[in-house]
Amino acid sequence: TNADRLANRAAMTAALTEALAAHDGEALAERMIRAGIPAGPVRPVDAALESAHARHRGMVAELDGVRTLGTPIKFSRTPGGPHAPPPGFAAHLDEILAEHGYTEAEIAALEAAGAIRRVRRA
């Protein structure tokens, strides 16, 4: 039961670590999947996004030189995913500040004081 697994978590983790240490994670995951057991190696995010599975699922997209995430949910008649790159640095700066009540003169003063930037620091 789950309660038993939780009560014996340390012993179970030690036993599984020892039993699985000699196996390649990718190969073991493939064997488990073929046997009907949901499995997959645990990877850092960058490695997960570079995997064959992520490429096959279209999980990384590039739009106008910007790498972004694709959508994990796929529908045949309504394909999702990024259709445009994200806005550039400070692209909506004036609009956002104006929405919060700043005048053009106040925005210019903030920029002159170095409180806001329109260009990313090098």
N, C-alpha and C. Protein backbone atom coordinates (compact mmCIF):
# COMPACT_ATOMS: atom_id res chain seq x y z
N THR A 1 0.84 -1.19 0.00
CA THR A 1 0.00 0.00 0.00
C THR A 1 0.88 1.25 0.00
N ASN A 2 0.27 2.37 -0.31
CA ASN A 2 1.03 3.61 -0.29
C ASN A 2 1.52 3.93 1.11
N ALA A 3 0.70 3.64 2.11
CA ALA A 3 1.12 3.89 3.50
C ALA A 3 2.37 3.08 3.84
N ASP A 4 2.43 1.82 3.38
CA ASP A 4 3.61 0.99 3.62
C ASP A 4 4.83 1.55 2.90
N ARG A 5 4.63 2.01 1.66
CA ARG A 5 5.75 2.59 0.91
C ARG A 5 6.28 3.83 1.63
N LEU A 6 5.38 4.66 2.13
CA LEU A 6 5.82 5.86 2.84
C LEU A 6 6.54 5.51 4.14
N ALA A 7 6.02 4.52 4.85
CA ALA A 7 6.64 4.12 6.12
C ALA A 7 8.03 3.53 5.90
N ASN A 8 8.25 2.92 4.74
CA ASN A 8 9.52 2.26 4.44
C ASN A 8 10.28 2.98 3.32
N ARG A 9 10.02 4.24 3.19
CA ARG A 9 10.59 5.01 2.07
C ARG A 9 12.12 4.94 2.00
N ALA A 10 12.80 5.13 3.12
CA ALA A 10 14.27 5.13 3.10
C ALA A 10 14.81 3.79 2.64
N ALA A 11 14.27 2.70 3.17
CA ALA A 11 14.73 1.36 2.78
C ALA A 11 14.40 1.08 1.32
N MET A 12 13.21 1.48 0.89
CA MET A 12 12.82 1.25 -0.49
C MET A 12 13.70 2.06 -1.45
N THR A 13 13.99 3.30 -1.09
CA THR A 13 14.86 4.14 -1.93
C THR A 13 16.25 3.53 -2.04
N ALA A 14 16.80 3.06 -0.93
CA ALA A 14 18.13 2.44 -0.94
C ALA A 14 18.13 1.19 -1.81
N ALA A 15 17.11 0.35 -1.68
CA ALA A 15 17.04 -0.89 -2.47
C ALA A 15 16.90 -0.59 -3.96
N LEU A 16 16.05 0.37 -4.30
CA LEU A 16 15.87 0.72 -5.71
C LEU A 16 17.12 1.37 -6.30
N THR A 17 17.76 2.23 -5.53
CA THR A 17 18.99 2.88 -5.99
C THR A 17 20.05 1.84 -6.31
N GLU A 18 20.21 0.88 -5.43
CA GLU A 18 21.21 -0.18 -5.65
C GLU A 18 20.83 -1.03 -6.86
N ALA A 19 19.56 -1.41 -6.96
CA ALA A 19 19.12 -2.28 -8.05
C ALA A 19 19.20 -1.59 -9.41
N LEU A 20 18.99 -0.29 -9.45
CA LEU A 20 18.93 0.42 -10.73
C LEU A 20 20.25 1.08 -11.13
N ALA A 21 21.21 1.14 -10.23
CA ALA A 21 22.46 1.85 -10.48
C ALA A 21 23.22 1.32 -11.69
N ALA A 22 23.12 0.05 -11.96
CA ALA A 22 23.88 -0.55 -13.06
C ALA A 22 23.19 -0.39 -14.41
N HIS A 23 21.99 0.17 -14.43
CA HIS A 23 21.21 0.26 -15.67
C HIS A 23 21.32 1.65 -16.29
N ASP A 24 21.29 1.69 -17.61
CA ASP A 24 21.19 2.94 -18.34
C ASP A 24 19.73 3.40 -18.26
N GLY A 25 19.50 4.62 -17.82
CA GLY A 25 18.14 5.11 -17.62
C GLY A 25 17.29 5.08 -18.87
N GLU A 26 17.85 5.47 -20.00
CA GLU A 26 17.11 5.47 -21.27
C GLU A 26 16.68 4.06 -21.65
N ALA A 27 17.63 3.14 -21.62
CA ALA A 27 17.33 1.76 -22.01
C ALA A 27 16.32 1.13 -21.06
N LEU A 28 16.48 1.37 -19.78
CA LEU A 28 15.55 0.82 -18.80
C LEU A 28 14.15 1.39 -19.00
N ALA A 29 14.06 2.68 -19.24
CA ALA A 29 12.75 3.29 -19.48
C ALA A 29 12.08 2.69 -20.71
N GLU A 30 12.85 2.48 -21.78
CA GLU A 30 12.29 1.86 -22.99
C GLU A 30 11.77 0.46 -22.70
N ARG A 31 12.54 -0.33 -21.95
CA ARG A 31 12.09 -1.69 -21.60
C ARG A 31 10.81 -1.65 -20.78
N MET A 32 10.76 -0.74 -19.83
CA MET A 32 9.57 -0.64 -18.98
C MET A 32 8.35 -0.21 -19.80
N ILE A 33 8.53 0.74 -20.70
CA ILE A 33 7.43 1.20 -21.54
C ILE A 33 6.92 0.06 -22.41
N ARG A 34 7.84 -0.71 -23.00
CA ARG A 34 7.42 -1.86 -23.81
C ARG A 34 6.65 -2.88 -22.98
N ALA A 35 6.94 -2.95 -21.68
CA ALA A 35 6.24 -3.88 -20.79
C ALA A 35 4.93 -3.29 -20.27
N GLY A 36 4.60 -2.07 -20.71
CA GLY A 36 3.36 -1.45 -20.28
C GLY A 36 3.46 -0.68 -18.98
N ILE A 37 4.68 -0.40 -18.54
CA ILE A 37 4.89 0.34 -17.29
C ILE A 37 5.26 1.78 -17.65
N PRO A 38 4.45 2.75 -17.24
CA PRO A 38 4.81 4.15 -17.53
C PRO A 38 6.16 4.47 -16.89
N ALA A 39 7.08 4.98 -17.67
CA ALA A 39 8.42 5.26 -17.14
C ALA A 39 9.12 6.29 -18.00
N GLY A 40 10.13 6.86 -17.44
CA GLY A 40 10.98 7.79 -18.17
C GLY A 40 12.09 8.25 -17.27
N PRO A 41 13.24 8.54 -17.84
CA PRO A 41 14.36 9.01 -17.02
C PRO A 41 14.08 10.41 -16.47
N VAL A 42 14.62 10.70 -15.33
CA VAL A 42 14.52 12.04 -14.74
C VAL A 42 15.70 12.84 -15.28
N ARG A 43 15.39 13.97 -15.89
CA ARG A 43 16.44 14.78 -16.52
C ARG A 43 16.34 16.23 -16.07
N PRO A 44 17.45 16.95 -16.15
CA PRO A 44 17.35 18.40 -15.98
C PRO A 44 16.54 18.98 -17.14
N VAL A 45 15.97 20.15 -16.98
CA VAL A 45 15.10 20.73 -18.00
C VAL A 45 15.78 20.83 -19.35
N ASP A 46 17.03 21.31 -19.40
CA ASP A 46 17.70 21.47 -20.70
C ASP A 46 17.85 20.13 -21.40
N ALA A 47 18.19 19.08 -20.67
CA ALA A 47 18.34 17.76 -21.27
C ALA A 47 16.99 17.21 -21.72
N ALA A 48 15.95 17.45 -20.94
CA ALA A 48 14.61 16.98 -21.31
C ALA A 48 14.16 17.63 -22.61
N LEU A 49 14.43 18.92 -22.77
CA LEU A 49 14.00 19.62 -23.98
C LEU A 49 14.82 19.24 -25.20
N GLU A 50 16.00 18.66 -25.00
CA GLU A 50 16.83 18.22 -26.12
C GLU A 50 16.58 16.76 -26.48
N SER A 51 15.71 16.08 -25.75
CA SER A 51 15.48 14.66 -25.97
C SER A 51 14.73 14.41 -27.28
N ALA A 52 14.86 13.19 -27.79
CA ALA A 52 14.16 12.80 -29.01
C ALA A 52 12.65 12.93 -28.82
N HIS A 53 12.17 12.59 -27.64
CA HIS A 53 10.73 12.67 -27.37
C HIS A 53 10.25 14.12 -27.46
N ALA A 54 10.99 15.05 -26.86
CA ALA A 54 10.59 16.46 -26.90
C ALA A 54 10.62 16.98 -28.34
N ARG A 55 11.63 16.57 -29.12
CA ARG A 55 11.69 16.98 -30.53
C ARG A 55 10.48 16.43 -31.29
N HIS A 56 10.19 15.14 -31.07
CA HIS A 56 9.06 14.50 -31.75
C HIS A 56 7.74 15.19 -31.41
N ARG A 57 7.59 15.62 -30.17
CA ARG A 57 6.35 16.26 -29.72
C ARG A 57 6.31 17.76 -30.04
N GLY A 58 7.37 18.29 -30.63
CA GLY A 58 7.40 19.71 -30.97
C GLY A 58 7.38 20.60 -29.75
N MET A 59 8.11 20.19 -28.72
CA MET A 59 8.08 20.93 -27.46
C MET A 59 9.01 22.14 -27.44
N VAL A 60 9.84 22.28 -28.44
CA VAL A 60 10.69 23.47 -28.54
C VAL A 60 10.46 24.07 -29.93
N ALA A 61 10.13 25.33 -29.95
CA ALA A 61 9.90 26.02 -31.22
C ALA A 61 10.84 27.21 -31.29
N GLU A 62 11.17 27.60 -32.50
CA GLU A 62 11.99 28.80 -32.68
C GLU A 62 11.24 29.74 -33.61
N LEU A 63 11.02 30.95 -33.12
CA LEU A 63 10.31 31.96 -33.90
C LEU A 63 11.16 33.22 -33.94
N ASP A 64 11.55 33.62 -35.13
CA ASP A 64 12.38 34.82 -35.30
C ASP A 64 13.62 34.79 -34.41
N GLY A 65 14.25 33.63 -34.30
CA GLY A 65 15.48 33.50 -33.53
C GLY A 65 15.28 33.35 -32.03
N VAL A 66 14.03 33.27 -31.57
CA VAL A 66 13.75 33.12 -30.14
C VAL A 66 13.27 31.69 -29.89
N ARG A 67 14.01 30.96 -29.04
CA ARG A 67 13.57 29.60 -28.66
C ARG A 67 12.49 29.73 -27.61
N THR A 68 11.41 28.99 -27.80
CA THR A 68 10.30 29.02 -26.86
C THR A 68 9.71 27.62 -26.73
N LEU A 69 8.84 27.43 -25.77
CA LEU A 69 8.23 26.12 -25.56
C LEU A 69 7.00 25.96 -26.44
N GLY A 70 6.84 24.75 -26.96
CA GLY A 70 5.62 24.40 -27.67
C GLY A 70 4.57 24.02 -26.64
N THR A 71 3.39 23.69 -27.11
CA THR A 71 2.33 23.29 -26.19
C THR A 71 2.33 21.77 -26.03
N PRO A 72 2.17 21.27 -24.81
CA PRO A 72 2.17 19.82 -24.61
C PRO A 72 0.87 19.16 -25.06
N ILE A 73 -0.19 19.94 -25.20
CA ILE A 73 -1.50 19.38 -25.58
C ILE A 73 -1.65 19.55 -27.08
N LYS A 74 -1.89 18.44 -27.77
CA LYS A 74 -1.99 18.45 -29.22
C LYS A 74 -3.40 18.01 -29.64
N PHE A 75 -4.05 18.80 -30.48
CA PHE A 75 -5.35 18.45 -31.04
C PHE A 75 -5.22 18.42 -32.55
N SER A 76 -5.91 17.48 -33.20
CA SER A 76 -5.77 17.33 -34.64
C SER A 76 -6.39 18.50 -35.41
N ARG A 77 -7.52 19.04 -34.94
CA ARG A 77 -8.19 20.10 -35.68
C ARG A 77 -7.84 21.50 -35.18
N THR A 78 -7.26 21.60 -34.02
CA THR A 78 -6.90 22.92 -33.49
C THR A 78 -5.48 22.86 -32.95
N PRO A 79 -4.51 22.81 -33.85
CA PRO A 79 -3.13 22.71 -33.38
C PRO A 79 -2.74 23.94 -32.58
N GLY A 80 -2.14 23.71 -31.46
CA GLY A 80 -1.69 24.81 -30.62
C GLY A 80 -0.23 25.09 -30.84
N GLY A 81 0.29 25.91 -30.01
CA GLY A 81 1.70 26.22 -30.08
C GLY A 81 1.92 27.69 -30.32
N PRO A 82 3.15 28.10 -30.20
CA PRO A 82 3.46 29.51 -30.39
C PRO A 82 3.30 29.91 -31.85
N HIS A 83 2.67 31.06 -32.07
CA HIS A 83 2.46 31.55 -33.43
C HIS A 83 3.26 32.82 -33.71
N ALA A 84 3.79 33.39 -32.64
CA ALA A 84 4.59 34.61 -32.78
C ALA A 84 5.61 34.64 -31.65
N PRO A 85 6.73 35.27 -31.87
CA PRO A 85 7.72 35.36 -30.78
C PRO A 85 7.19 36.26 -29.67
N PRO A 86 7.75 36.15 -28.49
CA PRO A 86 7.33 37.04 -27.40
C PRO A 86 7.75 38.48 -27.73
N PRO A 87 7.12 39.45 -27.09
CA PRO A 87 7.52 40.83 -27.33
C PRO A 87 8.97 41.05 -26.94
N GLY A 88 9.62 41.95 -27.62
CA GLY A 88 11.00 42.28 -27.30
C GLY A 88 11.11 43.04 -25.99
N PHE A 89 12.33 43.21 -25.55
CA PHE A 89 12.60 43.92 -24.30
C PHE A 89 11.99 45.32 -24.35
N ALA A 90 11.19 45.66 -23.37
CA ALA A 90 10.55 46.97 -23.21
C ALA A 90 9.59 47.32 -24.35
N ALA A 91 9.13 46.32 -25.10
CA ALA A 91 8.27 46.58 -26.25
C ALA A 91 6.98 47.30 -25.87
N HIS A 92 6.45 47.05 -24.70
CA HIS A 92 5.19 47.66 -24.27
C HIS A 92 5.38 48.60 -23.09
N LEU A 93 6.60 49.08 -22.93
CA LEU A 93 6.93 49.90 -21.77
C LEU A 93 6.03 51.13 -21.64
N ASP A 94 5.90 51.90 -22.70
CA ASP A 94 5.09 53.12 -22.63
C ASP A 94 3.62 52.80 -22.34
N GLU A 95 3.08 51.78 -23.01
CA GLU A 95 1.67 51.43 -22.80
C GLU A 95 1.41 51.00 -21.37
N ILE A 96 2.30 50.21 -20.81
CA ILE A 96 2.11 49.72 -19.44
C ILE A 96 2.19 50.87 -18.44
N LEU A 97 3.20 51.72 -18.60
CA LEU A 97 3.32 52.85 -17.68
C LEU A 97 2.14 53.81 -17.83
N ALA A 98 1.68 54.03 -19.06
CA ALA A 98 0.52 54.91 -19.28
C ALA A 98 -0.73 54.32 -18.62
N GLU A 99 -0.90 53.00 -18.70
CA GLU A 99 -2.04 52.35 -18.04
C GLU A 99 -2.01 52.57 -16.54
N HIS A 100 -0.83 52.77 -16.00
CA HIS A 100 -0.69 52.99 -14.55
C HIS A 100 -0.61 54.47 -14.20
N GLY A 101 -0.99 55.31 -15.16
CA GLY A 101 -1.14 56.73 -14.86
C GLY A 101 0.06 57.62 -15.13
N TYR A 102 1.13 57.09 -15.70
CA TYR A 102 2.30 57.92 -15.97
C TYR A 102 2.08 58.72 -17.25
N THR A 103 2.49 59.97 -17.22
CA THR A 103 2.41 60.83 -18.41
C THR A 103 3.67 60.62 -19.25
N GLU A 104 3.63 61.14 -20.48
CA GLU A 104 4.82 61.04 -21.34
C GLU A 104 6.01 61.73 -20.69
N ALA A 105 5.77 62.86 -20.05
CA ALA A 105 6.86 63.60 -19.40
C ALA A 105 7.44 62.79 -18.24
N GLU A 106 6.57 62.14 -17.47
CA GLU A 106 7.05 61.33 -16.34
C GLU A 106 7.85 60.12 -16.84
N ILE A 107 7.39 59.53 -17.91
CA ILE A 107 8.11 58.39 -18.50
C ILE A 107 9.48 58.84 -18.98
N ALA A 108 9.54 59.99 -19.65
CA ALA A 108 10.82 60.53 -20.12
C ALA A 108 11.74 60.82 -18.94
N ALA A 109 11.20 61.33 -17.84
CA ALA A 109 12.02 61.61 -16.65
C ALA A 109 12.55 60.31 -16.04
N LEU A 110 11.72 59.27 -16.00
CA LEU A 110 12.18 57.97 -15.49
C LEU A 110 13.32 57.43 -16.35
N GLU A 111 13.18 57.58 -17.65
CA GLU A 111 14.22 57.10 -18.56
C GLU A 111 15.50 57.91 -18.38
N ALA A 112 15.38 59.22 -18.27
CA ALA A 112 16.55 60.09 -18.09
C ALA A 112 17.27 59.78 -16.78
N ALA A 113 16.52 59.39 -15.76
CA ALA A 113 17.11 59.06 -14.46
C ALA A 113 17.70 57.65 -14.43
N GLY A 114 17.49 56.88 -15.51
CA GLY A 114 18.00 55.51 -15.55
C GLY A 114 17.13 54.51 -14.83
N ALA A 115 15.92 54.93 -14.44
CA ALA A 115 15.01 54.02 -13.72
C ALA A 115 14.37 53.01 -14.65
N ILE A 116 14.24 53.35 -15.92
CA ILE A 116 13.72 52.41 -16.92
C ILE A 116 14.67 52.42 -18.11
N ARG A 117 14.65 51.34 -18.86
CA ARG A 117 15.52 51.21 -20.04
C ARG A 117 14.70 50.70 -21.21
N ARG A 118 15.08 51.12 -22.38
CA ARG A 118 14.46 50.62 -23.59
C ARG A 118 15.35 49.59 -24.28
N VAL A 119 16.61 49.55 -23.87
CA VAL A 119 17.57 48.61 -24.45
C VAL A 119 18.17 47.79 -23.31
N ARG A 120 18.24 46.51 -23.54
CA ARG A 120 18.81 45.60 -22.54
C ARG A 120 20.29 45.92 -22.33
N ARG A 121 20.73 45.83 -21.09
CA ARG A 121 22.16 46.03 -20.80
C ARG A 121 22.99 44.96 -21.49
N ALA A 122 24.16 45.33 -21.92
CA ALA A 122 25.05 44.38 -22.61
C ALA A 122 25.64 43.40 -21.63
